[in-house]
Amino acid sequence: MDRVYAARRRRNGIMMGLSLGATLLGLGWLVAILAVLLWEGFSGLSLAVFTEMTPPPGSAGGLLNPIVGSLILTGLAVLIGTPIGMLAGTYMAEYGRHDRLTSVVRFINDILLSAPSIVVGLFIYEVAVVHMGHFSAFAGAFALAVLAIPVTLRTTEDMMNLVPPGMKDSSAALGAYPFRTTLSVLYPAARSGIVTGLLLAVARISGETAPLLFTALNNQFWSTNLNAPMANLPVVIFQFALSPYADWQKLAWAGALIITIAILLLSISARIILAYLSPSRGAGR
């Protein structure tokens, strides 16, 4: 018995050692990447990055136009994708829970959650850019919206399913129509999860480069024309990082740091909102 126990302890120690080694290896690479990003990013960060346009090689400049362009593209994508995702999630959770259509939509949504973003970019390129005859911010926003919809849909459906059935039954017992129950009971009860899903969707699409290469492309100049190519941070970072010019590479590091910090702040905000708007906290107040 002692020999068996000792053998088990040895195997357990070996597996624990391997697991710890794999964890440290992964964390080590993550720390190394973040350290390089912080070092290079902060060295290229200055006020000019937020106040000047992208420069030609050898000139001073900043990232004002791609920052504004990214905000516009992300905002449009959220405006397009959020209503579709929320309404689809609401239908799947409340009105078509046992329908065959719901199973099909859920299966397709799961595929889209893990689909490569470049596939979405190629799809929007074929259905929008080719027919329009040119790249545009509209096409870029549509591509980002397609990536945001699955996240919003899944979180909305999951949060609606977590609402206690008694709340819905009580509303129905008082004579409320289903749409009134959804608006006045279900959405307020699930708002923390829905808002969290929205922020996670924004974080998901903020750093996407591949779909924008096929849709919005880039613009070296200031432009708010939604029917024309628009500058955006991911594509500018991609182009500047591959260039042989040191000043462009410096701006690429600064842009990568800006996107990283923005996604970090969105993730922290999602956790704070989830904690603040949770039902238990609300009941305590």
Protein backbone atom coordinates (compact mmCIF):
# COMPACT_ATOMS: atom_id res chain seq x y z
CA MET A 1 0.00 0.00 0.00
CA ASP A 2 2.84 2.41 0.86
CA ARG A 3 4.51 1.69 -2.48
CA VAL A 4 1.26 2.38 -4.36
CA TYR A 5 0.74 5.60 -2.43
CA ALA A 6 4.34 6.70 -3.09
CA ALA A 7 3.95 5.99 -6.82
CA ARG A 8 0.77 8.05 -6.92
CA ARG A 9 2.50 10.90 -5.16
CA ARG A 10 5.37 10.80 -7.65
CA ARG A 11 2.98 10.85 -10.60
CA ASN A 12 1.02 13.67 -9.00
CA GLY A 13 4.23 15.63 -8.40
CA ILE A 14 5.36 15.13 -11.99
CA MET A 15 2.02 16.26 -13.41
CA MET A 16 1.86 19.24 -11.06
CA GLY A 17 5.39 20.19 -12.09
CA LEU A 18 4.53 19.94 -15.78
CA SER A 19 1.34 21.96 -15.27
CA LEU A 20 3.22 24.64 -13.34
CA GLY A 21 5.95 24.74 -15.98
CA ALA A 22 3.41 25.17 -18.78
CA THR A 23 1.67 27.93 -16.83
CA LEU A 24 4.93 29.76 -16.17
CA LEU A 25 5.94 29.38 -19.82
CA GLY A 26 2.70 30.93 -21.01
CA LEU A 27 2.79 33.72 -18.44
CA GLY A 28 6.44 34.37 -19.24
CA TRP A 29 5.70 35.00 -22.91
CA LEU A 30 2.73 37.18 -21.97
CA VAL A 31 4.85 39.25 -19.60
CA ALA A 32 7.58 39.56 -22.23
CA ILE A 33 5.11 40.75 -24.88
CA LEU A 34 3.53 43.27 -22.51
CA ALA A 35 6.93 44.50 -21.34
CA VAL A 36 8.10 45.15 -24.91
CA LEU A 37 4.76 46.77 -25.77
CA LEU A 38 4.89 49.08 -22.75
CA TRP A 39 8.53 49.98 -23.32
CA GLU A 40 8.21 50.69 -27.03
CA GLY A 41 4.70 52.14 -26.78
CA PHE A 42 5.40 54.67 -24.06
CA SER A 43 8.64 55.70 -25.77
CA GLY A 44 6.63 56.68 -28.85
CA LEU A 45 3.70 58.21 -26.98
CA SER A 46 3.38 61.98 -26.95
CA LEU A 47 0.79 64.72 -27.26
CA ALA A 48 1.40 64.84 -31.01
CA VAL A 49 0.09 61.27 -31.32
CA PHE A 50 -3.39 62.52 -30.34
CA THR A 51 -3.30 65.89 -32.13
CA GLU A 52 -1.57 65.38 -35.50
CA MET A 53 -2.34 63.41 -38.65
CA THR A 54 -0.42 60.39 -39.88
CA PRO A 55 2.78 61.70 -41.48
CA PRO A 56 4.70 60.82 -44.63
CA PRO A 57 8.01 59.00 -44.04
CA GLY A 58 10.61 61.14 -42.35
CA SER A 59 8.16 63.73 -41.01
CA ALA A 60 6.65 64.32 -37.60
CA GLY A 61 3.05 63.38 -37.07
CA GLY A 62 0.54 61.47 -35.01
CA LEU A 63 -2.46 59.17 -35.11
CA LEU A 64 -5.37 61.58 -34.82
CA ASN A 65 -7.18 60.52 -37.98
CA PRO A 66 -6.92 56.74 -37.36
CA ILE A 67 -8.02 57.19 -33.73
CA VAL A 68 -11.09 59.16 -34.79
CA GLY A 69 -11.73 56.73 -37.64
CA SER A 70 -11.60 53.74 -35.28
CA LEU A 71 -14.06 55.44 -32.93
CA ILE A 72 -16.44 56.11 -35.84
CA LEU A 73 -16.19 52.56 -37.21
CA THR A 74 -16.64 50.99 -33.78
CA GLY A 75 -19.57 53.28 -32.96
CA LEU A 76 -21.32 52.45 -36.24
CA ALA A 77 -20.71 48.74 -35.73
CA VAL A 78 -22.22 48.91 -32.24
CA LEU A 79 -25.23 50.85 -33.50
CA ILE A 80 -25.82 48.23 -36.20
CA GLY A 81 -24.98 45.09 -34.27
CA THR A 82 -26.42 45.77 -30.81
CA PRO A 83 -30.13 45.95 -31.76
CA ILE A 84 -29.83 42.87 -33.97
CA GLY A 85 -28.00 40.86 -31.32
CA MET A 86 -30.32 41.92 -28.49
CA LEU A 87 -33.52 41.26 -30.44
CA ALA A 88 -32.27 37.89 -31.70
CA GLY A 89 -31.16 36.90 -28.19
CA THR A 90 -34.50 37.99 -26.76
CA TYR A 91 -36.41 35.92 -29.32
CA MET A 92 -34.27 32.86 -28.69
CA ALA A 93 -34.63 33.11 -24.91
CA GLU A 94 -38.30 34.08 -24.60
CA TYR A 95 -40.37 33.53 -27.71
CA GLY A 96 -38.71 30.76 -29.69
CA ARG A 97 -36.86 28.79 -27.04
CA HIS A 98 -38.08 25.43 -28.34
CA ASP A 99 -38.29 26.28 -32.05
CA ARG A 100 -36.12 24.56 -34.60
CA LEU A 101 -35.12 27.97 -35.94
CA THR A 102 -33.61 28.82 -32.56
CA SER A 103 -31.41 25.72 -32.65
CA VAL A 104 -30.21 26.59 -36.14
CA VAL A 105 -29.48 30.22 -35.21
CA ARG A 106 -27.67 29.16 -32.05
CA PHE A 107 -25.51 26.73 -34.03
CA ILE A 108 -24.63 29.39 -36.63
CA ASN A 109 -23.96 31.91 -33.88
CA ASP A 110 -21.52 29.51 -32.20
CA ILE A 111 -19.69 29.15 -35.51
CA LEU A 112 -19.49 32.92 -35.96
CA LEU A 113 -18.10 33.32 -32.44
CA SER A 114 -15.03 31.33 -33.42
CA ALA A 115 -14.87 32.16 -37.13
CA PRO A 116 -11.69 33.89 -38.37
CA SER A 117 -12.34 37.58 -38.84
CA ILE A 118 -10.71 37.54 -42.27
CA VAL A 119 -13.55 35.32 -43.50
CA VAL A 120 -16.05 37.97 -42.40
CA GLY A 121 -13.96 40.61 -44.16
CA LEU A 122 -13.97 38.64 -47.40
CA PHE A 123 -17.73 38.12 -47.13
CA ILE A 124 -18.44 41.84 -46.70
CA TYR A 125 -15.97 42.58 -49.49
CA GLU A 126 -17.98 40.41 -51.87
CA VAL A 127 -21.43 41.59 -50.85
CA ALA A 128 -20.66 45.29 -50.27
CA VAL A 129 -17.33 46.54 -51.58
CA VAL A 130 -17.54 44.82 -54.96
CA HIS A 131 -21.07 46.08 -55.60
CA MET A 132 -20.31 49.59 -54.32
CA GLY A 133 -17.17 49.73 -56.44
CA HIS A 134 -14.94 51.16 -53.70
CA PHE A 135 -13.86 50.74 -50.10
CA SER A 136 -15.84 52.64 -47.49
CA ALA A 137 -16.40 53.15 -43.79
CA PHE A 138 -19.88 51.69 -44.21
CA ALA A 139 -18.41 48.38 -45.37
CA GLY A 140 -15.94 48.40 -42.47
CA ALA A 141 -18.72 49.06 -39.96
CA PHE A 142 -20.81 46.23 -41.43
CA ALA A 143 -17.86 43.83 -41.10
CA LEU A 144 -17.28 44.80 -37.47
CA ALA A 145 -21.02 44.56 -36.76
CA VAL A 146 -21.05 40.97 -38.03
CA LEU A 147 -18.28 40.20 -35.53
CA ALA A 148 -20.09 42.00 -32.69
CA ILE A 149 -23.52 40.42 -33.21
CA PRO A 150 -22.62 36.88 -31.99
CA VAL A 151 -21.18 38.20 -28.72
CA THR A 152 -24.20 40.41 -28.03
CA LEU A 153 -26.64 37.68 -29.03
CA ARG A 154 -25.07 35.02 -26.82
CA THR A 155 -24.81 37.24 -23.72
CA THR A 156 -28.37 38.52 -24.17
CA GLU A 157 -29.76 35.00 -24.48
CA ASP A 158 -27.78 33.72 -21.50
CA MET A 159 -28.71 36.66 -19.26
CA MET A 160 -32.40 36.42 -20.21
CA ASN A 161 -32.38 32.72 -19.36
CA LEU A 162 -30.99 33.54 -15.91
CA VAL A 163 -33.97 35.73 -14.99
CA PRO A 164 -36.10 33.82 -12.43
CA PRO A 165 -39.31 32.47 -13.99
CA GLY A 166 -41.27 33.86 -11.06
CA MET A 167 -40.61 37.40 -12.23
CA LYS A 168 -42.10 36.67 -15.64
CA ASP A 169 -45.03 34.80 -14.14
CA SER A 170 -45.77 37.66 -11.77
CA SER A 171 -45.80 40.14 -14.62
CA ALA A 172 -48.12 37.92 -16.65
CA ALA A 173 -50.41 37.48 -13.62
CA LEU A 174 -50.78 41.26 -13.41
CA GLY A 175 -52.02 41.30 -17.01
CA ALA A 176 -48.90 42.60 -18.73
CA TYR A 177 -48.45 41.78 -22.39
CA PRO A 178 -45.32 39.77 -23.31
CA PHE A 179 -43.58 42.78 -24.85
CA ARG A 180 -44.26 44.83 -21.70
CA THR A 181 -42.85 42.03 -19.57
CA THR A 182 -39.74 41.97 -21.72
CA LEU A 183 -39.21 45.73 -21.59
CA SER A 184 -40.15 46.38 -17.96
CA VAL A 185 -39.11 43.17 -16.20
CA LEU A 186 -36.66 41.06 -18.20
CA TYR A 187 -34.39 43.75 -19.60
CA PRO A 188 -33.93 45.55 -16.25
CA ALA A 189 -33.21 42.24 -14.53
CA ALA A 190 -30.65 41.23 -17.17
CA ARG A 191 -29.19 44.66 -17.85
CA SER A 192 -25.86 44.00 -16.13
CA GLY A 193 -25.11 40.99 -18.33
CA ILE A 194 -26.34 42.71 -21.48
CA VAL A 195 -24.18 45.80 -20.85
CA THR A 196 -21.22 43.56 -20.08
CA GLY A 197 -21.76 41.68 -23.34
CA LEU A 198 -21.91 44.98 -25.22
CA LEU A 199 -18.59 46.12 -23.76
CA LEU A 200 -17.02 42.75 -24.54
CA ALA A 201 -18.27 43.03 -28.11
CA VAL A 202 -16.63 46.46 -28.40
CA ALA A 203 -13.40 45.00 -27.03
CA ARG A 204 -13.71 42.14 -29.53
CA ILE A 205 -13.89 44.40 -32.58
CA SER A 206 -11.60 47.24 -31.46
CA GLY A 207 -8.38 45.59 -32.57
CA GLU A 208 -9.55 43.74 -35.68
CA THR A 209 -7.35 44.35 -38.71
CA ALA A 210 -8.20 41.66 -41.27
CA PRO A 211 -11.83 42.65 -41.97
CA LEU A 212 -10.91 46.33 -42.30
CA LEU A 213 -8.20 45.56 -44.88
CA PHE A 214 -10.96 44.32 -47.21
CA THR A 215 -13.60 46.94 -46.38
CA ALA A 216 -12.59 50.33 -44.94
CA LEU A 217 -8.94 50.00 -46.02
CA ASN A 218 -7.13 53.19 -44.89
CA ASN A 219 -6.87 56.91 -45.52
CA GLN A 220 -3.77 58.97 -44.86
CA PHE A 221 -5.82 62.16 -44.62
CA TRP A 222 -8.59 63.38 -42.34
CA SER A 223 -11.95 62.08 -43.56
CA THR A 224 -15.34 61.59 -41.95
CA ASN A 225 -16.99 60.58 -45.22
CA LEU A 226 -18.64 57.24 -44.49
CA ASN A 227 -18.82 56.43 -48.20
CA ALA A 228 -15.04 56.60 -48.64
CA PRO A 229 -12.01 54.78 -47.20
CA MET A 230 -11.39 55.78 -43.60
CA ALA A 231 -8.26 55.68 -41.48
CA ASN A 232 -8.31 53.29 -38.54
CA LEU A 233 -5.80 52.23 -35.92
CA PRO A 234 -5.52 48.48 -36.68
CA VAL A 235 -4.70 48.96 -40.37
CA VAL A 236 -2.36 51.89 -39.67
CA ILE A 237 -0.51 49.78 -37.10
CA PHE A 238 -0.26 46.94 -39.60
CA GLN A 239 1.10 49.15 -42.37
CA PHE A 240 3.43 51.21 -40.20
CA ALA A 241 4.85 48.17 -38.41
CA LEU A 242 5.80 46.55 -41.75
CA SER A 243 7.40 49.73 -43.09
CA PRO A 244 11.19 50.27 -43.06
CA TYR A 245 10.83 53.74 -41.52
CA ALA A 246 11.71 54.13 -37.84
CA ASP A 247 9.26 56.99 -37.25
CA TRP A 248 6.37 54.94 -38.64
CA GLN A 249 7.38 51.94 -36.52
CA LYS A 250 7.43 54.20 -33.45
CA LEU A 251 3.88 55.34 -34.20
CA ALA A 252 2.83 51.71 -34.72
CA TRP A 253 4.03 50.85 -31.20
CA ALA A 254 2.17 53.85 -29.80
CA GLY A 255 -1.02 52.80 -31.61
CA ALA A 256 -0.71 49.23 -30.34
CA LEU A 257 -0.37 50.56 -26.79
CA ILE A 258 -3.46 52.75 -27.21
CA ILE A 259 -5.58 49.82 -28.40
CA THR A 260 -4.27 47.58 -25.61
CA ILE A 261 -5.08 50.15 -22.92
CA ALA A 262 -8.52 50.78 -24.45
CA ILE A 263 -9.38 47.06 -24.44
CA LEU A 264 -8.07 46.74 -20.87
CA LEU A 265 -10.25 49.65 -19.73
CA LEU A 266 -13.28 48.14 -21.47
CA SER A 267 -12.72 44.79 -19.77
CA ILE A 268 -12.34 46.44 -16.35
CA SER A 269 -15.44 48.57 -17.00
CA ALA A 270 -17.41 45.45 -17.90
CA ARG A 271 -16.48 43.81 -14.59
CA ILE A 272 -17.30 46.96 -12.61
CA ILE A 273 -20.67 47.38 -14.33
CA LEU A 274 -21.45 43.70 -13.84
CA ALA A 275 -20.72 44.01 -10.11
CA TYR A 276 -22.53 47.33 -9.71
CA LEU A 277 -25.68 46.33 -11.61
CA SER A 278 -25.90 42.78 -10.28
CA PRO A 279 -29.30 41.87 -8.80
CA SER A 280 -27.83 41.13 -5.36
CA ARG A 281 -26.32 44.61 -5.12
CA GLY A 282 -29.49 46.16 -6.40
CA ALA A 283 -31.53 44.29 -3.82
CA GLY A 284 -29.13 45.45 -1.11
CA ARG A 285 -29.69 49.04 -2.04
